[in-house]
Amino acid sequence: MSTTEIKLYDIFRNDLKLSDEKAKLFAEVVQETIQNEVKHEQTEFKSVLKEDFYKVDIKIEQMNAKFEQMNTKIEGVRGEIKDSKADMIKWMFAFWVTIILMLLANFFLKK
């Protein structure tokens, strides 16, 4: 018997004037009922926890999908920047060649 059962047994036997067998049986039934209630509450709590963890897992998967989309977009922007950089270098080269040709033409035509 546990301490709680012994205390209940004493209360039932002394205060309620039950026989030893009935007091012991009643204390065991009360203790068993309490244990069943605790087990039931634990089961409910575990069920709620599982649902919450499932929801958290879904949110994490959604965030991972969003991160993948962002990475795809970033890679696209990097490609556009690379293309723009190549175009700018090409046009700068053409600009400077044109300026040099104009300066050379100006220099030779003045003579």
PDB file of N, CA and C in Angstrom:
ATOM      1  N   MET A   1       0.836  -1.187   0.000  1.00  0.00           N
ATOM      2  CA  MET A   1       0.000   0.000   0.000  1.00  0.00           C
ATOM      3  C   MET A   1       0.879   1.247   0.000  1.00  0.00           C
ATOM      4  N   SER A   2       0.410   2.238  -0.714  1.00  0.00           N
ATOM      5  CA  SER A   2       1.153   3.491  -0.733  1.00  0.00           C
ATOM      6  C   SER A   2       0.762   4.337   0.478  1.00  0.00           C
ATOM      7  N   THR A   3       1.494   5.402   0.678  1.00  0.00           N
ATOM      8  CA  THR A   3       1.225   6.282   1.812  1.00  0.00           C
ATOM      9  C   THR A   3      -0.170   6.874   1.720  1.00  0.00           C
ATOM     10  N   THR A   4      -0.552   7.256   0.533  1.00  0.00           N
ATOM     11  CA  THR A   4      -1.885   7.828   0.331  1.00  0.00           C
ATOM     12  C   THR A   4      -2.965   6.807   0.654  1.00  0.00           C
ATOM     13  N   GLU A   5      -2.769   5.583   0.211  1.00  0.00           N
ATOM     14  CA  GLU A   5      -3.750   4.528   0.494  1.00  0.00           C
ATOM     15  C   GLU A   5      -3.860   4.270   1.994  1.00  0.00           C
ATOM     16  N   ILE A   6      -2.734   4.294   2.681  1.00  0.00           N
ATOM     17  CA  ILE A   6      -2.753   4.070   4.134  1.00  0.00           C
ATOM     18  C   ILE A   6      -3.514   5.186   4.831  1.00  0.00           C
ATOM     19  N   LYS A   7      -3.285   6.426   4.409  1.00  0.00           N
ATOM     20  CA  LYS A   7      -4.004   7.550   5.015  1.00  0.00           C
ATOM     21  C   LYS A   7      -5.499   7.441   4.748  1.00  0.00           C
ATOM     22  N   LEU A   8      -5.853   7.110   3.503  1.00  0.00           N
ATOM     23  CA  LEU A   8      -7.268   6.933   3.182  1.00  0.00           C
ATOM     24  C   LEU A   8      -7.868   5.790   3.997  1.00  0.00           C
ATOM     25  N   TYR A   9      -7.120   4.721   4.115  1.00  0.00           N
ATOM     26  CA  TYR A   9      -7.577   3.555   4.887  1.00  0.00           C
ATOM     27  C   TYR A   9      -7.877   3.960   6.327  1.00  0.00           C
ATOM     28  N   ASP A  10      -6.948   4.718   6.931  1.00  0.00           N
ATOM     29  CA  ASP A  10      -7.152   5.162   8.315  1.00  0.00           C
ATOM     30  C   ASP A  10      -8.376   6.057   8.438  1.00  0.00           C
ATOM     31  N   ILE A  11      -8.560   6.957   7.480  1.00  0.00           N
ATOM     32  CA  ILE A  11      -9.727   7.847   7.526  1.00  0.00           C
ATOM     33  C   ILE A  11     -11.011   7.038   7.407  1.00  0.00           C
ATOM     34  N   PHE A  12     -11.054   6.131   6.446  1.00  0.00           N
ATOM     35  CA  PHE A  12     -12.270   5.338   6.246  1.00  0.00           C
ATOM     36  C   PHE A  12     -12.567   4.427   7.447  1.00  0.00           C
ATOM     37  N   ARG A  13     -11.538   3.859   8.037  1.00  0.00           N
ATOM     38  CA  ARG A  13     -11.725   2.926   9.150  1.00  0.00           C
ATOM     39  C   ARG A  13     -12.086   3.668  10.429  1.00  0.00           C
ATOM     40  N   ASN A  14     -11.351   4.757  10.736  1.00  0.00           N
ATOM     41  CA  ASN A  14     -11.562   5.447  12.013  1.00  0.00           C
ATOM     42  C   ASN A  14     -12.723   6.437  11.953  1.00  0.00           C
ATOM     43  N   ASP A  15     -12.713   7.319  10.953  1.00  0.00           N
ATOM     44  CA  ASP A  15     -13.718   8.382  10.917  1.00  0.00           C
ATOM     45  C   ASP A  15     -15.063   7.893  10.403  1.00  0.00           C
ATOM     46  N   LEU A  16     -15.045   7.026   9.398  1.00  0.00           N
ATOM     47  CA  LEU A  16     -16.297   6.549   8.815  1.00  0.00           C
ATOM     48  C   LEU A  16     -16.757   5.225   9.421  1.00  0.00           C
ATOM     49  N   LYS A  17     -15.964   4.686  10.324  1.00  0.00           N
ATOM     50  CA  LYS A  17     -16.299   3.452  11.049  1.00  0.00           C
ATOM     51  C   LYS A  17     -16.571   2.273  10.119  1.00  0.00           C
ATOM     52  N   LEU A  18     -15.748   2.140   9.080  1.00  0.00           N
ATOM     53  CA  LEU A  18     -15.875   0.993   8.184  1.00  0.00           C
ATOM     54  C   LEU A  18     -15.029  -0.150   8.724  1.00  0.00           C
ATOM     55  N   SER A  19     -15.363  -1.362   8.305  1.00  0.00           N
ATOM     56  CA  SER A  19     -14.557  -2.511   8.713  1.00  0.00           C
ATOM     57  C   SER A  19     -13.206  -2.435   8.004  1.00  0.00           C
ATOM     58  N   ASP A  20     -12.255  -3.224   8.505  1.00  0.00           N
ATOM     59  CA  ASP A  20     -10.905  -3.203   7.931  1.00  0.00           C
ATOM     60  C   ASP A  20     -10.921  -3.556   6.453  1.00  0.00           C
ATOM     61  N   GLU A  21     -11.659  -4.580   6.097  1.00  0.00           N
ATOM     62  CA  GLU A  21     -11.697  -5.024   4.702  1.00  0.00           C
ATOM     63  C   GLU A  21     -12.334  -3.971   3.801  1.00  0.00           C
ATOM     64  N   LYS A  22     -13.469  -3.409   4.261  1.00  0.00           N
ATOM     65  CA  LYS A  22     -14.157  -2.406   3.448  1.00  0.00           C
ATOM     66  C   LYS A  22     -13.329  -1.126   3.337  1.00  0.00           C
ATOM     67  N   ALA A  23     -12.682  -0.723   4.414  1.00  0.00           N
ATOM     68  CA  ALA A  23     -11.838   0.476   4.381  1.00  0.00           C
ATOM     69  C   ALA A  23     -10.670   0.272   3.422  1.00  0.00           C
ATOM     70  N   LYS A  24     -10.062  -0.926   3.490  1.00  0.00           N
ATOM     71  CA  LYS A  24      -8.944  -1.228   2.592  1.00  0.00           C
ATOM     72  C   LYS A  24      -9.414  -1.251   1.148  1.00  0.00           C
ATOM     73  N   LEU A  25     -10.531  -1.904   0.882  1.00  0.00           N
ATOM     74  CA  LEU A  25     -11.080  -1.981  -0.470  1.00  0.00           C
ATOM     75  C   LEU A  25     -11.443  -0.591  -0.992  1.00  0.00           C
ATOM     76  N   PHE A  26     -12.096   0.203  -0.139  1.00  0.00           N
ATOM     77  CA  PHE A  26     -12.493   1.553  -0.546  1.00  0.00           C
ATOM     78  C   PHE A  26     -11.261   2.415  -0.847  1.00  0.00           C
ATOM     79  N   ALA A  27     -10.224   2.321  -0.022  1.00  0.00           N
ATOM     80  CA  ALA A  27      -8.987   3.083  -0.241  1.00  0.00           C
ATOM     81  C   ALA A  27      -8.327   2.661  -1.553  1.00  0.00           C
ATOM     82  N   GLU A  28      -8.322   1.359  -1.831  1.00  0.00           N
ATOM     83  CA  GLU A  28      -7.728   0.873  -3.081  1.00  0.00           C
ATOM     84  C   GLU A  28      -8.515   1.354  -4.293  1.00  0.00           C
ATOM     85  N   VAL A  29      -9.842   1.343  -4.176  1.00  0.00           N
ATOM     86  CA  VAL A  29     -10.685   1.804  -5.286  1.00  0.00           C
ATOM     87  C   VAL A  29     -10.459   3.292  -5.545  1.00  0.00           C
ATOM     88  N   VAL A  30     -10.404   4.082  -4.477  1.00  0.00           N
ATOM     89  CA  VAL A  30     -10.161   5.525  -4.637  1.00  0.00           C
ATOM     90  C   VAL A  30      -8.795   5.754  -5.277  1.00  0.00           C
ATOM     91  N   GLN A  31      -7.785   5.043  -4.793  1.00  0.00           N
ATOM     92  CA  GLN A  31      -6.434   5.197  -5.350  1.00  0.00           C
ATOM     93  C   GLN A  31      -6.403   4.786  -6.817  1.00  0.00           C
ATOM     94  N   GLU A  32      -7.060   3.685  -7.147  1.00  0.00           N
ATOM     95  CA  GLU A  32      -7.100   3.211  -8.536  1.00  0.00           C
ATOM     96  C   GLU A  32      -7.826   4.211  -9.431  1.00  0.00           C
ATOM     97  N   THR A  33      -8.906   4.789  -8.914  1.00  0.00           N
ATOM     98  CA  THR A  33      -9.651   5.795  -9.679  1.00  0.00           C
ATOM     99  C   THR A  33      -8.776   7.012  -9.956  1.00  0.00           C
ATOM    100  N   ILE A  34      -8.057   7.436  -8.952  1.00  0.00           N
ATOM    101  CA  ILE A  34      -7.162   8.588  -9.124  1.00  0.00           C
ATOM    102  C   ILE A  34      -6.084   8.265 -10.155  1.00  0.00           C
ATOM    103  N   GLN A  35      -5.503   7.075 -10.072  1.00  0.00           N
ATOM    104  CA  GLN A  35      -4.468   6.684 -11.031  1.00  0.00           C
ATOM    105  C   GLN A  35      -5.025   6.620 -12.447  1.00  0.00           C
ATOM    106  N   ASN A  36      -6.239   6.105 -12.591  1.00  0.00           N
ATOM    107  CA  ASN A  36      -6.860   6.052 -13.920  1.00  0.00           C
ATOM    108  C   ASN A  36      -7.097   7.453 -14.476  1.00  0.00           C
ATOM    109  N   GLU A  37      -7.525   8.374 -13.625  1.00  0.00           N
ATOM    110  CA  GLU A  37      -7.734   9.760 -14.061  1.00  0.00           C
ATOM    111  C   GLU A  37      -6.411  10.390 -14.505  1.00  0.00           C
ATOM    112  N   VAL A  38      -5.364  10.128 -13.735  1.00  0.00           N
ATOM    113  CA  VAL A  38      -4.047  10.673 -14.088  1.00  0.00           C
ATOM    114  C   VAL A  38      -3.582  10.100 -15.423  1.00  0.00           C
ATOM    115  N   LYS A  39      -3.760   8.795 -15.612  1.00  0.00           N
ATOM    116  CA  LYS A  39      -3.366   8.169 -16.879  1.00  0.00           C
ATOM    117  C   LYS A  39      -4.167   8.743 -18.038  1.00  0.00           C
ATOM    118  N   HIS A  40      -5.462   8.967 -17.808  1.00  0.00           N
ATOM    119  CA  HIS A  40      -6.315   9.538 -18.855  1.00  0.00           C
ATOM    120  C   HIS A  40      -5.843  10.950 -19.217  1.00  0.00           C
ATOM    121  N   GLU A  41      -5.536  11.756 -18.199  1.00  0.00           N
ATOM    122  CA  GLU A  41      -5.052  13.116 -18.456  1.00  0.00           C
ATOM    123  C   GLU A  41      -3.697  13.089 -19.162  1.00  0.00           C
ATOM    124  N   GLN A  42      -2.842  12.158 -18.784  1.00  0.00           N
ATOM    125  CA  GLN A  42      -1.548  12.032 -19.454  1.00  0.00           C
ATOM    126  C   GLN A  42      -1.733  11.671 -20.920  1.00  0.00           C
ATOM    127  N   THR A  43      -2.668  10.777 -21.189  1.00  0.00           N
ATOM    128  CA  THR A  43      -2.943  10.378 -22.570  1.00  0.00           C
ATOM    129  C   THR A  43      -3.454  11.558 -23.381  1.00  0.00           C
ATOM    130  N   GLU A  44      -4.364  12.330 -22.794  1.00  0.00           N
ATOM    131  CA  GLU A  44      -4.872  13.522 -23.478  1.00  0.00           C
ATOM    132  C   GLU A  44      -3.747  14.518 -23.728  1.00  0.00           C
ATOM    133  N   PHE A  45      -2.899  14.719 -22.723  1.00  0.00           N
ATOM    134  CA  PHE A  45      -1.788  15.656 -22.851  1.00  0.00           C
ATOM    135  C   PHE A  45      -0.823  15.212 -23.949  1.00  0.00           C
ATOM    136  N   LYS A  46      -0.526  13.914 -23.990  1.00  0.00           N
ATOM    137  CA  LYS A  46       0.357  13.390 -25.033  1.00  0.00           C
ATOM    138  C   LYS A  46      -0.261  13.586 -26.408  1.00  0.00           C
ATOM    139  N   SER A  47      -1.567  13.387 -26.501  1.00  0.00           N
ATOM    140  CA  SER A  47      -2.264  13.573 -27.774  1.00  0.00           C
ATOM    141  C   SER A  47      -2.172  15.027 -28.227  1.00  0.00           C
ATOM    142  N   VAL A  48      -2.383  15.943 -27.298  1.00  0.00           N
ATOM    143  CA  VAL A  48      -2.291  17.372 -27.625  1.00  0.00           C
ATOM    144  C   VAL A  48      -0.861  17.719 -28.036  1.00  0.00           C
ATOM    145  N   LEU A  49       0.112  17.174 -27.324  1.00  0.00           N
ATOM    146  CA  LEU A  49       1.511  17.429 -27.673  1.00  0.00           C
ATOM    147  C   LEU A  49       1.836  16.914 -29.068  1.00  0.00           C
ATOM    148  N   LYS A  50       1.351  15.721 -29.391  1.00  0.00           N
ATOM    149  CA  LYS A  50       1.600  15.170 -30.723  1.00  0.00           C
ATOM    150  C   LYS A  50       1.005  16.068 -31.794  1.00  0.00           C
ATOM    151  N   GLU A  51      -0.211  16.562 -31.558  1.00  0.00           N
ATOM    152  CA  GLU A  51      -0.837  17.468 -32.522  1.00  0.00           C
ATOM    153  C   GLU A  51      -0.018  18.744 -32.680  1.00  0.00           C
ATOM    154  N   ASP A  52       0.441  19.293 -31.553  1.00  0.00           N
ATOM    155  CA  ASP A  52       1.231  20.522 -31.609  1.00  0.00           C
ATOM    156  C   ASP A  52       2.548  20.296 -32.346  1.00  0.00           C
ATOM    157  N   PHE A  53       3.214  19.186 -32.062  1.00  0.00           N
ATOM    158  CA  PHE A  53       4.463  18.890 -32.760  1.00  0.00           C
ATOM    159  C   PHE A  53       4.224  18.677 -34.249  1.00  0.00           C
ATOM    160  N   TYR A  54       3.103  18.057 -34.591  1.00  0.00           N
ATOM    161  CA  TYR A  54       2.758  17.860 -35.994  1.00  0.00           C
ATOM    162  C   TYR A  54       2.565  19.212 -36.681  1.00  0.00           C
ATOM    163  N   LYS A  55       1.881  20.129 -36.004  1.00  0.00           N
ATOM    164  CA  LYS A  55       1.681  21.472 -36.560  1.00  0.00           C
ATOM    165  C   LYS A  55       3.017  22.194 -36.733  1.00  0.00           C
ATOM    166  N   VAL A  56       3.902  22.042 -35.754  1.00  0.00           N
ATOM    167  CA  VAL A  56       5.224  22.670 -35.846  1.00  0.00           C
ATOM    168  C   VAL A  56       6.003  22.081 -37.019  1.00  0.00           C
ATOM    169  N   ASP A  57       5.927  20.766 -37.201  1.00  0.00           N
ATOM    170  CA  ASP A  57       6.603  20.127 -38.334  1.00  0.00           C
ATOM    171  C   ASP A  57       6.077  20.661 -39.660  1.00  0.00           C
ATOM    172  N   ILE A  58       4.760  20.843 -39.750  1.00  0.00           N
ATOM    173  CA  ILE A  58       4.171  21.385 -40.981  1.00  0.00           C
ATOM    174  C   ILE A  58       4.683  22.800 -41.225  1.00  0.00           C
ATOM    175  N   LYS A  59       4.731  23.619 -40.178  1.00  0.00           N
ATOM    176  CA  LYS A  59       5.230  24.996 -40.321  1.00  0.00           C
ATOM    177  C   LYS A  59       6.693  24.995 -40.767  1.00  0.00           C
ATOM    178  N   ILE A  60       7.485  24.098 -40.210  1.00  0.00           N
ATOM    179  CA  ILE A  60       8.898  24.020 -40.595  1.00  0.00           C
ATOM    180  C   ILE A  60       9.021  23.638 -42.062  1.00  0.00           C
ATOM    181  N   GLU A  61       8.223  22.684 -42.509  1.00  0.00           N
ATOM    182  CA  GLU A  61       8.248  22.288 -43.923  1.00  0.00           C
ATOM    183  C   GLU A  61       7.834  23.447 -44.823  1.00  0.00           C
ATOM    184  N   GLN A  62       6.828  24.218 -44.395  1.00  0.00           N
ATOM    185  CA  GLN A  62       6.407  25.380 -45.176  1.00  0.00           C
ATOM    186  C   GLN A  62       7.526  26.405 -45.258  1.00  0.00           C
ATOM    187  N   MET A  63       8.216  26.632 -44.137  1.00  0.00           N
ATOM    188  CA  MET A  63       9.324  27.592 -44.133  1.00  0.00           C
ATOM    189  C   MET A  63      10.461  27.094 -45.028  1.00  0.00           C
ATOM    190  N   ASN A  64      10.741  25.800 -44.991  1.00  0.00           N
ATOM    191  CA  ASN A  64      11.784  25.253 -45.861  1.00  0.00           C
ATOM    192  C   ASN A  64      11.425  25.439 -47.329  1.00  0.00           C
ATOM    193  N   ALA A  65      10.152  25.254 -47.665  1.00  0.00           N
ATOM    194  CA  ALA A  65       9.712  25.454 -49.050  1.00  0.00           C
ATOM    195  C   ALA A  65       9.879  26.915 -49.450  1.00  0.00           C
ATOM    196  N   LYS A  66       9.557  27.833 -48.538  1.00  0.00           N
ATOM    197  CA  LYS A  66       9.725  29.260 -48.831  1.00  0.00           C
ATOM    198  C   LYS A  66      11.203  29.599 -49.016  1.00  0.00           C
ATOM    199  N   PHE A  67      12.065  29.014 -48.185  1.00  0.00           N
ATOM    200  CA  PHE A  67      13.502  29.252 -48.332  1.00  0.00           C
ATOM    201  C   PHE A  67      14.006  28.746 -49.682  1.00  0.00           C
ATOM    202  N   GLU A  68      13.510  27.604 -50.108  1.00  0.00           N
ATOM    203  CA  GLU A  68      13.903  27.072 -51.414  1.00  0.00           C
ATOM    204  C   GLU A  68      13.456  28.007 -52.533  1.00  0.00           C
ATOM    205  N   GLN A  69      12.245  28.555 -52.417  1.00  0.00           N
ATOM    206  CA  GLN A  69      11.769  29.513 -53.418  1.00  0.00           C
ATOM    207  C   GLN A  69      12.656  30.750 -53.436  1.00  0.00           C
ATOM    208  N   MET A  70      13.022  31.228 -52.252  1.00  0.00           N
ATOM    209  CA  MET A  70      13.886  32.409 -52.169  1.00  0.00           C
ATOM    210  C   MET A  70      15.253  32.112 -52.784  1.00  0.00           C
ATOM    211  N   ASN A  71      15.795  30.930 -52.517  1.00  0.00           N
ATOM    212  CA  ASN A  71      17.085  30.569 -53.101  1.00  0.00           C
ATOM    213  C   ASN A  71      17.007  30.523 -54.622  1.00  0.00           C
ATOM    214  N   THR A  72      15.896  30.012 -55.149  1.00  0.00           N
ATOM    215  CA  THR A  72      15.707  29.968 -56.597  1.00  0.00           C
ATOM    216  C   THR A  72      15.660  31.379 -57.167  1.00  0.00           C
ATOM    217  N   LYS A  73      14.930  32.267 -56.497  1.00  0.00           N
ATOM    218  CA  LYS A  73      14.844  33.654 -56.956  1.00  0.00           C
ATOM    219  C   LYS A  73      16.203  34.345 -56.881  1.00  0.00           C
ATOM    220  N   ILE A  74      16.936  34.087 -55.817  1.00  0.00           N
ATOM    221  CA  ILE A  74      18.262  34.697 -55.661  1.00  0.00           C
ATOM    222  C   ILE A  74      19.195  34.227 -56.770  1.00  0.00           C
ATOM    223  N   GLU A  75      19.147  32.945 -57.094  1.00  0.00           N
ATOM    224  CA  GLU A  75      19.983  32.434 -58.187  1.00  0.00           C
ATOM    225  C   GLU A  75      19.609  33.100 -59.506  1.00  0.00           C
ATOM    226  N   GLY A  76      18.314  33.331 -59.723  1.00  0.00           N
ATOM    227  CA  GLY A  76      17.877  34.026 -60.937  1.00  0.00           C
ATOM    228  C   GLY A  76      18.414  35.444 -60.992  1.00  0.00           C
ATOM    229  N   VAL A  77      18.376  36.142 -59.860  1.00  0.00           N
ATOM    230  CA  VAL A  77      18.896  37.512 -59.800  1.00  0.00           C
ATOM    231  C   VAL A  77      20.404  37.511 -60.029  1.00  0.00           C
ATOM    232  N   ARG A  78      21.100  36.539 -59.482  1.00  0.00           N
ATOM    233  CA  ARG A  78      22.551  36.456 -59.705  1.00  0.00           C
ATOM    234  C   ARG A  78      22.866  36.271 -61.188  1.00  0.00           C
ATOM    235  N   GLY A  79      22.077  35.453 -61.864  1.00  0.00           N
ATOM    236  CA  GLY A  79      22.274  35.263 -63.307  1.00  0.00           C
ATOM    237  C   GLY A  79      22.033  36.552 -64.070  1.00  0.00           C
ATOM    238  N   GLU A  80      20.992  37.293 -63.692  1.00  0.00           N
ATOM    239  CA  GLU A  80      20.708  38.568 -64.350  1.00  0.00           C
ATOM    240  C   GLU A  80      21.832  39.567 -64.109  1.00  0.00           C
ATOM    241  N   ILE A  81      22.360  39.595 -62.897  1.00  0.00           N
ATOM    242  CA  ILE A  81      23.477  40.500 -62.592  1.00  0.00           C
ATOM    243  C   ILE A  81      24.695  40.124 -63.426  1.00  0.00           C
ATOM    244  N   LYS A  82      24.960  38.834 -63.549  1.00  0.00           N
ATOM    245  CA  LYS A  82      26.101  38.375 -64.343  1.00  0.00           C
ATOM    246  C   LYS A  82      25.936  38.804 -65.803  1.00  0.00           C
ATOM    247  N   ASP A  83      24.720  38.644 -66.344  1.00  0.00           N
ATOM    248  CA  ASP A  83      24.462  39.064 -67.727  1.00  0.00           C
ATOM    249  C   ASP A  83      24.614  40.571 -67.883  1.00  0.00           C
ATOM    250  N   SER A  84      24.097  41.329 -66.919  1.00  0.00           N
ATOM    251  CA  SER A  84      24.200  42.790 -66.976  1.00  0.00           C
ATOM    252  C   SER A  84      25.656  43.231 -66.895  1.00  0.00           C
ATOM    253  N   LYS A  85      26.415  42.566 -66.076  1.00  0.00           N
ATOM    254  CA  LYS A  85      27.832  42.899 -65.928  1.00  0.00           C
ATOM    255  C   LYS A  85      28.563  42.687 -67.259  1.00  0.00           C
ATOM    256  N   ALA A  86      28.289  41.586 -67.927  1.00  0.00           N
ATOM    257  CA  ALA A  86      28.931  41.313 -69.219  1.00  0.00           C
ATOM    258  C   ALA A  86      28.514  42.357 -70.253  1.00  0.00           C
ATOM    259  N   ASP A  87      27.238  42.734 -70.267  1.00  0.00           N
ATOM    260  CA  ASP A  87      26.777  43.768 -71.203  1.00  0.00           C
ATOM    261  C   ASP A  87      27.440  45.107 -70.913  1.00  0.00           C
ATOM    262  N   MET A  88      27.565  45.454 -69.641  1.00  0.00           N
ATOM    263  CA  MET A  88      28.198  46.736 -69.288  1.00  0.00           C
ATOM    264  C   MET A  88      29.658  46.756 -69.722  1.00  0.00           C
ATOM    265  N   ILE A  89      30.369  45.677 -69.512  1.00  0.00           N
ATOM    266  CA  ILE A  89      31.775  45.617 -69.936  1.00  0.00           C
ATOM    267  C   ILE A  89      31.874  45.756 -71.450  1.00  0.00           C
ATOM    268  N   LYS A  90      30.989  45.083 -72.170  1.00  0.00           N
ATOM    269  CA  LYS A  90      30.981  45.165 -73.635  1.00  0.00           C
ATOM    270  C   LYS A  90      30.733  46.611 -74.089  1.00  0.00           C
ATOM    271  N   TRP A  91      29.741  47.272 -73.521  1.00  0.00           N
ATOM    272  CA  TRP A  91      29.425  48.643 -73.926  1.00  0.00           C
ATOM    273  C   TRP A  91      30.506  49.628 -73.490  1.00  0.00           C
ATOM    274  N   MET A  92      31.119  49.402 -72.334  1.00  0.00           N
ATOM    275  CA  MET A  92      32.214  50.285 -71.913  1.00  0.00           C
ATOM    276  C   MET A  92      33.396  50.151 -72.877  1.00  0.00           C
ATOM    277  N   PHE A  93      33.688  48.930 -73.285  1.00  0.00           N
ATOM    278  CA  PHE A  93      34.766  48.723 -74.247  1.00  0.00           C
ATOM    279  C   PHE A  93      34.457  49.447 -75.557  1.00  0.00           C
ATOM    280  N   ALA A  94      33.218  49.313 -76.036  1.00  0.00           N
ATOM    281  CA  ALA A  94      32.820  49.988 -77.282  1.00  0.00           C
ATOM    282  C   ALA A  94      32.903  51.500 -77.111  1.00  0.00           C
ATOM    283  N   PHE A  95      32.492  52.018 -75.967  1.00  0.00           N
ATOM    284  CA  PHE A  95      32.545  53.454 -75.706  1.00  0.00           C
ATOM    285  C   PHE A  95      33.983  53.962 -75.746  1.00  0.00           C
ATOM    286  N   TRP A  96      34.886  53.274 -75.053  1.00  0.00           N
ATOM    287  CA  TRP A  96      36.268  53.733 -74.998  1.00  0.00           C
ATOM    288  C   TRP A  96      36.956  53.593 -76.360  1.00  0.00           C
ATOM    289  N   VAL A  97      36.652  52.554 -77.083  1.00  0.00           N
ATOM    290  CA  VAL A  97      37.217  52.421 -78.433  1.00  0.00           C
ATOM    291  C   VAL A  97      36.744  53.580 -79.298  1.00  0.00           C
ATOM    292  N   THR A  98      35.465  53.930 -79.190  1.00  0.00           N
ATOM    293  CA  THR A  98      34.921  55.048 -79.966  1.00  0.00           C
ATOM    294  C   THR A  98      35.591  56.353 -79.566  1.00  0.00           C
ATOM    295  N   ILE A  99      35.769  56.579 -78.284  1.00  0.00           N
ATOM    296  CA  ILE A  99      36.425  57.811 -77.809  1.00  0.00           C
ATOM    297  C   ILE A  99      37.858  57.873 -78.322  1.00  0.00           C
ATOM    298  N   ILE A 100      38.574  56.762 -78.234  1.00  0.00           N
ATOM    299  CA  ILE A 100      39.967  56.749 -78.715  1.00  0.00           C
ATOM    300  C   ILE A 100      40.013  57.012 -80.216  1.00  0.00           C
ATOM    301  N   LEU A 101      39.117  56.390 -80.986  1.00  0.00           N
ATOM    302  CA  LEU A 101      39.078  56.638 -82.432  1.00  0.00           C
ATOM    303  C   LEU A 101      38.765  58.096 -82.731  1.00  0.00           C
ATOM    304  N   MET A 102      37.846  58.697 -81.958  1.00  0.00           N
ATOM    305  CA  MET A 102      37.519  60.112 -82.169  1.00  0.00           C
ATOM    306  C   MET A 102      38.721  60.990 -81.862  1.00  0.00           C
ATOM    307  N   LEU A 103      39.445  60.676 -80.779  1.00  0.00           N
ATOM    308  CA  LEU A 103      40.629  61.461 -80.432  1.00  0.00           C
ATOM    309  C   LEU A 103      41.721  61.312 -81.497  1.00  0.00           C
ATOM    310  N   LEU A 104      41.914  60.086 -81.968  1.00  0.00           N
ATOM    311  CA  LEU A 104      42.911  59.875 -83.020  1.00  0.00           C
ATOM    312  C   LEU A 104      42.513  60.595 -84.304  1.00  0.00           C
ATOM    313  N   ALA A 105      41.245  60.522 -84.655  1.00  0.00           N
ATOM    314  CA  ALA A 105      40.770  61.214 -85.861  1.00  0.00           C
ATOM    315  C   ALA A 105      40.943  62.708 -85.698  1.00  0.00           C
ATOM    316  N   ASN A 106      40.628  63.225 -84.545  1.00  0.00           N
ATOM    317  CA  ASN A 106      40.783  64.657 -84.283  1.00  0.00           C
ATOM    318  C   ASN A 106      42.255  65.050 -84.356  1.00  0.00           C
ATOM    319  N   PHE A 107      43.122  64.220 -83.822  1.00  0.00           N
ATOM    320  CA  PHE A 107      44.550  64.509 -83.834  1.00  0.00           C
ATOM    321  C   PHE A 107      45.099  64.494 -85.261  1.00  0.00           C
ATOM    322  N   PHE A 108      44.725  63.486 -86.058  1.00  0.00           N
ATOM    323  CA  PHE A 108      45.253  63.383 -87.421  1.00  0.00           C
ATOM    324  C   PHE A 108      44.603  64.372 -88.376  1.00  0.00           C
ATOM    325  N   LEU A 109      43.377  64.743 -88.145  1.00  0.00           N
ATOM    326  CA  LEU A 109      42.705  65.675 -89.044  1.00  0.00           C
ATOM    327  C   LEU A 109      43.154  67.111 -88.814  1.00  0.00           C
ATOM    328  N   LYS A 110      43.674  67.449 -87.672  1.00  0.00           N
ATOM    329  CA  LYS A 110      44.164  68.794 -87.400  1.00  0.00           C
ATOM    330  C   LYS A 110      45.477  69.052 -88.112  1.00  0.00           C
ATOM    331  N   LYS A 111      46.208  68.103 -88.459  1.00  0.00           N
ATOM    332  CA  LYS A 111      47.512  68.289 -89.084  1.00  0.00           C
ATOM    333  C   LYS A 111      47.398  68.658 -90.483  1.00  0.00           C
TER     334      LYS A 111
END
